[in-house]
Amino acid sequence: MSTSRTGAGDAMKRSFGFSQVAESEKQARVDDVFHTVARRYDVMNDLMSFGLHRVWKDAMIAALAPPKRPGWRMLDVAGGTGDIAFRAVEASRGNAHVTVLDINGSMLDVGRERADARGLSDHVDFVEANAEELPFGDAAFDAYSIAFGIRNVPDIPKALREARRVLKPGGRFLCLEFSEVDMPVFDRVYEAWSFNAIPRIGQTVAGDGEPYRYLVESIAKFPRQADFATMIGEAGFKRVTWRNYSGGVAALHSGWKL
């Protein structure tokens, strides 16, 4: 069992939290986690972020600045419940069209229900597929987003290459993910909260603490901000940058297909 962060590269392929599993086994185990938490996904993110994930998602959309013109297309990967997609459509004043792709059908079911309830079904479509093998042609989208999902993809370098492939020239990649806290004292507070409180609260709220334990461990294993930026650059993106939110609890990485 390894509790240290992975570096740039493909070390996350066999990492299921702090455990090492066969590459062929990881995706199924991650799927089981999200089937379990799909109906309480917002609760999960509230626990992980002290409720700040909504603020970070708003900041992500503000950075993306979807244009208020027809014809702009965005792919939101691992976005099954629709949080990012709905924000993008609303920021574009109903002009953007967003394709939500997720490998987990339970998450997509929640997203479809929410799209119907918000009257956004004409602006958002949902596709069940793998981030490592996107079922789209080259240069199909103006933007690619992924929020709190990349660390659950077994082959992250492959997913990043696929992201670049489906973007149009000049297209933008944005990834919001939990990251490494860079504030002394607070880093220890957040670590204690994550490993001690979150699984217990998950047990109380959802009746099962183990999915929450995996999610906490997967955050601790995910590459540091600079290492992940290196991976994005190695996938072919240019002008790669990142911005920390809340002292590094989360980070927004950006890259361009130029």
C-alpha atoms as a PDB file:
ATOM      1  CA  MET A   1       0.000   0.000   0.000  1.00  0.00           C
ATOM      2  CA  SER A   2       1.389   3.396  -1.040  1.00  0.00           C
ATOM      3  CA  THR A   3       0.085   6.650   0.426  1.00  0.00           C
ATOM      4  CA  SER A   4       2.423   9.035  -1.434  1.00  0.00           C
ATOM      5  CA  ARG A   5       1.296  11.129  -4.396  1.00  0.00           C
ATOM      6  CA  THR A   6       1.998   9.885  -7.881  1.00  0.00           C
ATOM      7  CA  GLY A   7       4.116  12.009 -10.193  1.00  0.00           C
ATOM      8  CA  ALA A   8       3.681  12.835 -13.844  1.00  0.00           C
ATOM      9  CA  GLY A   9       3.076   9.701 -15.902  1.00  0.00           C
ATOM     10  CA  ASP A  10       0.709   6.758 -15.801  1.00  0.00           C
ATOM     11  CA  ALA A  11       1.150   5.638 -12.181  1.00  0.00           C
ATOM     12  CA  MET A  12      -2.577   6.142 -11.483  1.00  0.00           C
ATOM     13  CA  LYS A  13      -3.430   3.205 -13.785  1.00  0.00           C
ATOM     14  CA  ARG A  14      -3.261   0.679 -10.946  1.00  0.00           C
ATOM     15  CA  SER A  15      -4.008   2.986  -8.036  1.00  0.00           C
ATOM     16  CA  PHE A  16      -7.389   2.454  -6.411  1.00  0.00           C
ATOM     17  CA  GLY A  17      -6.986   4.846  -3.515  1.00  0.00           C
ATOM     18  CA  PHE A  18      -4.004   3.610  -1.542  1.00  0.00           C
ATOM     19  CA  SER A  19      -4.401   0.058  -2.875  1.00  0.00           C
ATOM     20  CA  GLN A  20      -2.790  -1.320  -6.014  1.00  0.00           C
ATOM     21  CA  VAL A  21      -5.099  -3.260  -8.337  1.00  0.00           C
ATOM     22  CA  ALA A  22      -4.799  -4.815 -11.777  1.00  0.00           C
ATOM     23  CA  GLU A  23      -5.244  -2.315 -14.610  1.00  0.00           C
ATOM     24  CA  SER A  24      -8.173  -4.388 -15.882  1.00  0.00           C
ATOM     25  CA  GLU A  25      -9.865  -4.168 -12.481  1.00  0.00           C
ATOM     26  CA  LYS A  26      -9.662  -0.462 -11.667  1.00  0.00           C
ATOM     27  CA  GLN A  27     -12.443   0.836 -13.914  1.00  0.00           C
ATOM     28  CA  ALA A  28     -14.992  -1.640 -12.582  1.00  0.00           C
ATOM     29  CA  ARG A  29     -14.137  -0.753  -9.002  1.00  0.00           C
ATOM     30  CA  VAL A  30     -14.442   2.968  -9.709  1.00  0.00           C
ATOM     31  CA  ASP A  31     -17.793   2.324 -11.408  1.00  0.00           C
ATOM     32  CA  ASP A  32     -19.050   0.588  -8.275  1.00  0.00           C
ATOM     33  CA  VAL A  33     -18.138   3.637  -6.193  1.00  0.00           C
ATOM     34  CA  PHE A  34     -20.120   6.012  -8.389  1.00  0.00           C
ATOM     35  CA  HIS A  35     -23.120   3.703  -8.725  1.00  0.00           C
ATOM     36  CA  THR A  36     -23.222   3.864  -4.918  1.00  0.00           C
ATOM     37  CA  VAL A  37     -22.901   7.652  -4.559  1.00  0.00           C
ATOM     38  CA  ALA A  38     -24.777   8.853  -7.682  1.00  0.00           C
ATOM     39  CA  ARG A  39     -27.917   9.963  -5.836  1.00  0.00           C
ATOM     40  CA  ARG A  40     -25.848  11.685  -3.163  1.00  0.00           C
ATOM     41  CA  TYR A  41     -23.131  13.108  -5.381  1.00  0.00           C
ATOM     42  CA  ASP A  42     -23.691  16.699  -4.254  1.00  0.00           C
ATOM     43  CA  VAL A  43     -23.503  15.575  -0.627  1.00  0.00           C
ATOM     44  CA  MET A  44     -20.210  13.854  -1.418  1.00  0.00           C
ATOM     45  CA  ASN A  45     -18.759  17.012  -2.968  1.00  0.00           C
ATOM     46  CA  ASP A  46     -20.027  19.114  -0.078  1.00  0.00           C
ATOM     47  CA  LEU A  47     -18.194  16.832   2.348  1.00  0.00           C
ATOM     48  CA  MET A  48     -14.980  16.929   0.322  1.00  0.00           C
ATOM     49  CA  SER A  49     -14.969  20.689  -0.228  1.00  0.00           C
ATOM     50  CA  PHE A  50     -16.754  22.206   2.793  1.00  0.00           C
ATOM     51  CA  GLY A  51     -19.469  23.130   0.287  1.00  0.00           C
ATOM     52  CA  LEU A  52     -17.064  25.193  -1.827  1.00  0.00           C
ATOM     53  CA  HIS A  53     -17.330  23.020  -4.938  1.00  0.00           C
ATOM     54  CA  ARG A  54     -20.220  25.192  -6.143  1.00  0.00           C
ATOM     55  CA  VAL A  55     -18.040  28.317  -5.925  1.00  0.00           C
ATOM     56  CA  TRP A  56     -15.170  26.565  -7.724  1.00  0.00           C
ATOM     57  CA  LYS A  57     -17.483  25.362 -10.505  1.00  0.00           C
ATOM     58  CA  ASP A  58     -18.795  28.895 -10.966  1.00  0.00           C
ATOM     59  CA  ALA A  59     -15.182  30.103 -11.195  1.00  0.00           C
ATOM     60  CA  MET A  60     -14.426  27.403 -13.776  1.00  0.00           C
ATOM     61  CA  ILE A  61     -17.286  28.585 -15.986  1.00  0.00           C
ATOM     62  CA  ALA A  62     -16.248  32.207 -15.519  1.00  0.00           C
ATOM     63  CA  ALA A  63     -12.744  31.272 -16.717  1.00  0.00           C
ATOM     64  CA  LEU A  64     -14.206  29.422 -19.706  1.00  0.00           C
ATOM     65  CA  ALA A  65     -16.570  32.314 -20.578  1.00  0.00           C
ATOM     66  CA  PRO A  66     -18.863  30.422 -22.988  1.00  0.00           C
ATOM     67  CA  PRO A  67     -19.710  32.769 -25.872  1.00  0.00           C
ATOM     68  CA  LYS A  68     -23.261  34.021 -26.233  1.00  0.00           C
ATOM     69  CA  ARG A  69     -23.551  32.910 -29.840  1.00  0.00           C
ATOM     70  CA  PRO A  70     -25.074  29.831 -31.484  1.00  0.00           C
ATOM     71  CA  GLY A  71     -22.946  26.941 -32.682  1.00  0.00           C
ATOM     72  CA  TRP A  72     -20.472  26.723 -29.785  1.00  0.00           C
ATOM     73  CA  ARG A  73     -20.042  23.122 -28.607  1.00  0.00           C
ATOM     74  CA  MET A  74     -18.553  21.816 -25.386  1.00  0.00           C
ATOM     75  CA  LEU A  75     -17.781  18.321 -24.134  1.00  0.00           C
ATOM     76  CA  ASP A  76     -18.057  17.805 -20.386  1.00  0.00           C
ATOM     77  CA  VAL A  77     -16.406  14.526 -19.414  1.00  0.00           C
ATOM     78  CA  ALA A  78     -17.206  12.665 -16.175  1.00  0.00           C
ATOM     79  CA  GLY A  79     -19.988  15.205 -15.779  1.00  0.00           C
ATOM     80  CA  GLY A  80     -22.902  12.806 -15.415  1.00  0.00           C
ATOM     81  CA  THR A  81     -25.057  14.848 -13.033  1.00  0.00           C
ATOM     82  CA  GLY A  82     -24.856  17.917 -15.268  1.00  0.00           C
ATOM     83  CA  ASP A  83     -23.483  20.508 -12.843  1.00  0.00           C
ATOM     84  CA  ILE A  84     -20.906  21.944 -15.248  1.00  0.00           C
ATOM     85  CA  ALA A  85     -23.061  21.530 -18.353  1.00  0.00           C
ATOM     86  CA  PHE A  86     -25.996  23.439 -16.903  1.00  0.00           C
ATOM     87  CA  ARG A  87     -23.753  26.279 -15.771  1.00  0.00           C
ATOM     88  CA  ALA A  88     -22.193  26.523 -19.241  1.00  0.00           C
ATOM     89  CA  VAL A  89     -25.555  26.631 -21.019  1.00  0.00           C
ATOM     90  CA  GLU A  90     -26.893  29.262 -18.634  1.00  0.00           C
ATOM     91  CA  ALA A  91     -23.700  31.369 -18.929  1.00  0.00           C
ATOM     92  CA  SER A  92     -24.106  31.333 -22.721  1.00  0.00           C
ATOM     93  CA  ARG A  93     -27.734  32.458 -22.344  1.00  0.00           C
ATOM     94  CA  GLY A  94     -28.902  29.249 -23.934  1.00  0.00           C
ATOM     95  CA  ASN A  95     -26.644  29.419 -26.991  1.00  0.00           C
ATOM     96  CA  ALA A  96     -24.135  26.680 -26.101  1.00  0.00           C
ATOM     97  CA  HIS A  97     -24.735  23.003 -26.639  1.00  0.00           C
ATOM     98  CA  VAL A  98     -23.040  20.672 -24.175  1.00  0.00           C
ATOM     99  CA  THR A  99     -22.468  16.951 -24.527  1.00  0.00           C
ATOM    100  CA  VAL A 100     -22.116  15.286 -21.139  1.00  0.00           C
ATOM    101  CA  LEU A 101     -20.070  12.102 -21.278  1.00  0.00           C
ATOM    102  CA  ASP A 102     -19.754   9.688 -18.382  1.00  0.00           C
ATOM    103  CA  ILE A 103     -18.859   6.015 -18.105  1.00  0.00           C
ATOM    104  CA  ASN A 104     -21.367   5.567 -15.296  1.00  0.00           C
ATOM    105  CA  GLY A 105     -25.017   5.136 -16.260  1.00  0.00           C
ATOM    106  CA  SER A 106     -26.304   5.907 -12.760  1.00  0.00           C
ATOM    107  CA  MET A 107     -24.681   9.344 -12.837  1.00  0.00           C
ATOM    108  CA  LEU A 108     -26.141  10.022 -16.298  1.00  0.00           C
ATOM    109  CA  ASP A 109     -29.623   9.063 -15.091  1.00  0.00           C
ATOM    110  CA  VAL A 110     -29.376  11.777 -12.454  1.00  0.00           C
ATOM    111  CA  GLY A 111     -28.183  14.275 -15.051  1.00  0.00           C
ATOM    112  CA  ARG A 112     -31.029  13.556 -17.471  1.00  0.00           C
ATOM    113  CA  GLU A 113     -33.590  13.973 -14.702  1.00  0.00           C
ATOM    114  CA  ARG A 114     -32.066  17.303 -13.710  1.00  0.00           C
ATOM    115  CA  ALA A 115     -31.898  18.529 -17.307  1.00  0.00           C
ATOM    116  CA  ASP A 116     -35.605  17.763 -17.757  1.00  0.00           C
ATOM    117  CA  ALA A 117     -36.479  19.481 -14.481  1.00  0.00           C
ATOM    118  CA  ARG A 118     -34.529  22.618 -15.501  1.00  0.00           C
ATOM    119  CA  GLY A 119     -35.889  22.719 -19.044  1.00  0.00           C
ATOM    120  CA  LEU A 120     -32.417  22.281 -20.540  1.00  0.00           C
ATOM    121  CA  SER A 121     -32.858  18.981 -22.395  1.00  0.00           C
ATOM    122  CA  ASP A 122     -32.654  20.708 -25.786  1.00  0.00           C
ATOM    123  CA  HIS A 123     -29.262  22.171 -24.878  1.00  0.00           C
ATOM    124  CA  VAL A 124     -27.615  19.128 -23.268  1.00  0.00           C
ATOM    125  CA  ASP A 125     -27.234  15.543 -24.459  1.00  0.00           C
ATOM    126  CA  PHE A 126     -25.864  12.626 -22.476  1.00  0.00           C
ATOM    127  CA  VAL A 127     -23.497   9.920 -23.717  1.00  0.00           C
ATOM    128  CA  GLU A 128     -22.332   6.834 -21.837  1.00  0.00           C
ATOM    129  CA  ALA A 129     -18.736   6.209 -22.890  1.00  0.00           C
ATOM    130  CA  ASN A 130     -15.131   6.019 -21.720  1.00  0.00           C
ATOM    131  CA  ALA A 131     -12.918   9.137 -21.443  1.00  0.00           C
ATOM    132  CA  GLU A 132     -10.043   7.049 -22.823  1.00  0.00           C
ATOM    133  CA  GLU A 133     -11.927   6.243 -26.044  1.00  0.00           C
ATOM    134  CA  LEU A 134     -14.167   9.176 -26.945  1.00  0.00           C
ATOM    135  CA  PRO A 135     -16.833   8.255 -29.542  1.00  0.00           C
ATOM    136  CA  PHE A 136     -16.404  11.481 -31.518  1.00  0.00           C
ATOM    137  CA  GLY A 137     -14.477  12.544 -34.572  1.00  0.00           C
ATOM    138  CA  ASP A 138     -11.439  14.787 -34.543  1.00  0.00           C
ATOM    139  CA  ALA A 139     -11.896  18.522 -33.929  1.00  0.00           C
ATOM    140  CA  ALA A 140     -15.537  18.197 -32.873  1.00  0.00           C
ATOM    141  CA  PHE A 141     -15.701  20.583 -29.883  1.00  0.00           C
ATOM    142  CA  ASP A 142     -14.764  24.134 -28.964  1.00  0.00           C
ATOM    143  CA  ALA A 143     -14.092  23.290 -25.320  1.00  0.00           C
ATOM    144  CA  TYR A 144     -13.490  20.241 -23.134  1.00  0.00           C
ATOM    145  CA  SER A 145     -14.151  20.281 -19.397  1.00  0.00           C
ATOM    146  CA  ILE A 146     -13.747  17.721 -16.654  1.00  0.00           C
ATOM    147  CA  ALA A 147     -14.499  18.455 -12.991  1.00  0.00           C
ATOM    148  CA  PHE A 148     -13.503  16.114 -10.183  1.00  0.00           C
ATOM    149  CA  GLY A 149     -13.262  13.231 -12.610  1.00  0.00           C
ATOM    150  CA  ILE A 150      -9.766  12.961 -14.082  1.00  0.00           C
ATOM    151  CA  ARG A 151      -8.298  11.265 -10.997  1.00  0.00           C
ATOM    152  CA  ASN A 152     -10.786   8.398 -11.450  1.00  0.00           C
ATOM    153  CA  VAL A 153      -9.683   7.676 -15.028  1.00  0.00           C
ATOM    154  CA  PRO A 154      -7.283   4.711 -15.094  1.00  0.00           C
ATOM    155  CA  ASP A 155      -5.127   5.900 -18.032  1.00  0.00           C
ATOM    156  CA  ILE A 156      -4.930   9.662 -17.537  1.00  0.00           C
ATOM    157  CA  PRO A 157      -2.333  10.332 -20.282  1.00  0.00           C
ATOM    158  CA  LYS A 158      -4.551   8.554 -22.810  1.00  0.00           C
ATOM    159  CA  ALA A 159      -7.607  10.549 -21.703  1.00  0.00           C
ATOM    160  CA  LEU A 160      -5.641  13.792 -22.080  1.00  0.00           C
ATOM    161  CA  ARG A 161      -4.577  12.830 -25.608  1.00  0.00           C
ATOM    162  CA  GLU A 162      -8.212  12.067 -26.446  1.00  0.00           C
ATOM    163  CA  ALA A 163      -9.244  15.447 -25.049  1.00  0.00           C
ATOM    164  CA  ARG A 164      -6.852  17.181 -27.407  1.00  0.00           C
ATOM    165  CA  ARG A 165      -7.927  15.053 -30.370  1.00  0.00           C
ATOM    166  CA  VAL A 166     -11.615  16.029 -30.144  1.00  0.00           C
ATOM    167  CA  LEU A 167     -10.915  19.739 -29.674  1.00  0.00           C
ATOM    168  CA  LYS A 168     -10.952  22.110 -32.604  1.00  0.00           C
ATOM    169  CA  PRO A 169      -7.780  24.135 -33.263  1.00  0.00           C
ATOM    170  CA  GLY A 170      -7.900  26.961 -30.752  1.00  0.00           C
ATOM    171  CA  GLY A 171     -10.056  24.865 -28.428  1.00  0.00           C
ATOM    172  CA  ARG A 172      -9.618  24.991 -24.674  1.00  0.00           C
ATOM    173  CA  PHE A 173      -9.133  22.255 -22.077  1.00  0.00           C
ATOM    174  CA  LEU A 174     -10.189  22.926 -18.475  1.00  0.00           C
ATOM    175  CA  CYS A 175      -9.830  20.521 -15.568  1.00  0.00           C
ATOM    176  CA  LEU A 176     -11.061  21.211 -12.036  1.00  0.00           C
ATOM    177  CA  GLU A 177      -9.735  18.715  -9.509  1.00  0.00           C
ATOM    178  CA  PHE A 178      -8.944  18.311  -5.838  1.00  0.00           C
ATOM    179  CA  SER A 179      -5.243  18.904  -5.389  1.00  0.00           C
ATOM    180  CA  GLU A 180      -2.452  19.491  -2.872  1.00  0.00           C
ATOM    181  CA  VAL A 181      -3.092  22.058  -0.132  1.00  0.00           C
ATOM    182  CA  ASP A 182      -0.202  24.510   0.025  1.00  0.00           C
ATOM    183  CA  MET A 183      -1.067  26.365   3.251  1.00  0.00           C
ATOM    184  CA  PRO A 184       0.846  25.379   6.411  1.00  0.00           C
ATOM    185  CA  VAL A 185      -1.374  24.223   9.286  1.00  0.00           C
ATOM    186  CA  PHE A 186      -4.462  24.157   7.064  1.00  0.00           C
ATOM    187  CA  ASP A 187      -2.977  21.243   5.138  1.00  0.00           C
ATOM    188  CA  ARG A 188      -2.936  19.183   8.330  1.00  0.00           C
ATOM    189  CA  VAL A 189      -6.448  20.267   9.290  1.00  0.00           C
ATOM    190  CA  TYR A 190      -7.774  19.306   5.868  1.00  0.00           C
ATOM    191  CA  GLU A 191      -5.974  15.967   5.926  1.00  0.00           C
ATOM    192  CA  ALA A 192      -7.403  15.131   9.356  1.00  0.00           C
ATOM    193  CA  TRP A 193     -10.894  16.117   8.204  1.00  0.00           C
ATOM    194  CA  SER A 194     -10.608  14.088   5.017  1.00  0.00           C
ATOM    195  CA  PHE A 195      -9.354  10.827   6.487  1.00  0.00           C
ATOM    196  CA  ASN A 196     -11.155  10.842   9.814  1.00  0.00           C
ATOM    197  CA  ALA A 197     -14.433  12.681   9.343  1.00  0.00           C
ATOM    198  CA  ILE A 198     -15.516  12.191   5.737  1.00  0.00           C
ATOM    199  CA  PRO A 199     -15.767   8.357   5.735  1.00  0.00           C
ATOM    200  CA  ARG A 200     -17.679   8.459   9.027  1.00  0.00           C
ATOM    201  CA  ILE A 201     -20.092  11.081   7.763  1.00  0.00           C
ATOM    202  CA  GLY A 202     -20.478   9.111   4.536  1.00  0.00           C
ATOM    203  CA  GLN A 203     -21.401   6.080   6.613  1.00  0.00           C
ATOM    204  CA  THR A 204     -24.035   8.120   8.433  1.00  0.00           C
ATOM    205  CA  VAL A 205     -25.436   9.988   5.428  1.00  0.00           C
ATOM    206  CA  ALA A 206     -25.208   7.315   2.745  1.00  0.00           C
ATOM    207  CA  GLY A 207     -25.004   4.149   4.824  1.00  0.00           C
ATOM    208  CA  ASP A 208     -21.598   3.223   3.425  1.00  0.00           C
ATOM    209  CA  GLY A 209     -18.303   4.887   4.293  1.00  0.00           C
ATOM    210  CA  GLU A 210     -16.039   2.899   1.971  1.00  0.00           C
ATOM    211  CA  PRO A 211     -16.797   4.821  -1.262  1.00  0.00           C
ATOM    212  CA  TYR A 212     -15.931   8.015   0.580  1.00  0.00           C
ATOM    213  CA  ARG A 213     -12.703   6.487   1.861  1.00  0.00           C
ATOM    214  CA  TYR A 214     -11.691   5.654  -1.724  1.00  0.00           C
ATOM    215  CA  LEU A 215     -12.481   9.190  -2.874  1.00  0.00           C
ATOM    216  CA  VAL A 216     -10.363  10.714  -0.106  1.00  0.00           C
ATOM    217  CA  GLU A 217      -7.477   8.370  -0.870  1.00  0.00           C
ATOM    218  CA  SER A 218      -7.723   9.073  -4.611  1.00  0.00           C
ATOM    219  CA  ILE A 219      -7.277  12.790  -3.902  1.00  0.00           C
ATOM    220  CA  ALA A 220      -4.179  12.088  -1.816  1.00  0.00           C
ATOM    221  CA  LYS A 221      -2.702   9.992  -4.665  1.00  0.00           C
ATOM    222  CA  PHE A 222      -3.410  12.445  -7.484  1.00  0.00           C
ATOM    223  CA  PRO A 223      -0.351  14.259  -8.896  1.00  0.00           C
ATOM    224  CA  ARG A 224       0.610  17.653  -7.543  1.00  0.00           C
ATOM    225  CA  GLN A 225      -0.395  20.714  -9.545  1.00  0.00           C
ATOM    226  CA  ALA A 226       2.959  21.082 -11.337  1.00  0.00           C
ATOM    227  CA  ASP A 227       3.159  17.371 -12.162  1.00  0.00           C
ATOM    228  CA  PHE A 228      -0.350  17.343 -13.606  1.00  0.00           C
ATOM    229  CA  ALA A 229       0.481  20.447 -15.662  1.00  0.00           C
ATOM    230  CA  THR A 230       3.449  18.518 -17.071  1.00  0.00           C
ATOM    231  CA  MET A 231       1.115  15.680 -18.079  1.00  0.00           C
ATOM    232  CA  ILE A 232      -1.206  18.108 -19.859  1.00  0.00           C
ATOM    233  CA  GLY A 233       1.740  19.547 -21.763  1.00  0.00           C
ATOM    234  CA  GLU A 234       2.987  16.078 -22.690  1.00  0.00           C
ATOM    235  CA  ALA A 235      -0.450  15.384 -24.236  1.00  0.00           C
ATOM    236  CA  GLY A 236       0.236  18.223 -26.677  1.00  0.00           C
ATOM    237  CA  PHE A 237      -1.528  21.181 -25.058  1.00  0.00           C
ATOM    238  CA  LYS A 238       0.077  24.628 -25.089  1.00  0.00           C
ATOM    239  CA  ARG A 239       0.001  27.567 -22.666  1.00  0.00           C
ATOM    240  CA  VAL A 240      -0.698  25.227 -19.753  1.00  0.00           C
ATOM    241  CA  THR A 241      -1.455  27.036 -16.494  1.00  0.00           C
ATOM    242  CA  TRP A 242      -3.176  26.346 -13.211  1.00  0.00           C
ATOM    243  CA  ARG A 243      -4.853  28.329 -10.472  1.00  0.00           C
ATOM    244  CA  ASN A 244      -5.327  27.160  -6.899  1.00  0.00           C
ATOM    245  CA  TYR A 245      -8.644  27.555  -5.139  1.00  0.00           C
ATOM    246  CA  SER A 246      -8.979  27.694  -1.350  1.00  0.00           C
ATOM    247  CA  GLY A 247      -5.289  27.220  -0.702  1.00  0.00           C
ATOM    248  CA  GLY A 248      -4.913  24.311  -3.103  1.00  0.00           C
ATOM    249  CA  VAL A 249      -7.829  22.196  -1.901  1.00  0.00           C
ATOM    250  CA  ALA A 250      -8.756  22.342  -5.583  1.00  0.00           C
ATOM    251  CA  ALA A 251      -6.953  23.562  -8.692  1.00  0.00           C
ATOM    252  CA  LEU A 252      -8.129  24.598 -12.142  1.00  0.00           C
ATOM    253  CA  HIS A 253      -5.770  23.565 -14.947  1.00  0.00           C
ATOM    254  CA  SER A 254      -6.044  25.105 -18.398  1.00  0.00           C
ATOM    255  CA  GLY A 255      -4.510  24.254 -21.757  1.00  0.00           C
ATOM    256  CA  TRP A 256      -5.054  25.141 -25.412  1.00  0.00           C
ATOM    257  CA  LYS A 257      -4.946  23.193 -28.654  1.00  0.00           C
ATOM    258  CA  LEU A 258      -2.775  25.484 -30.771  1.00  0.00           C
END
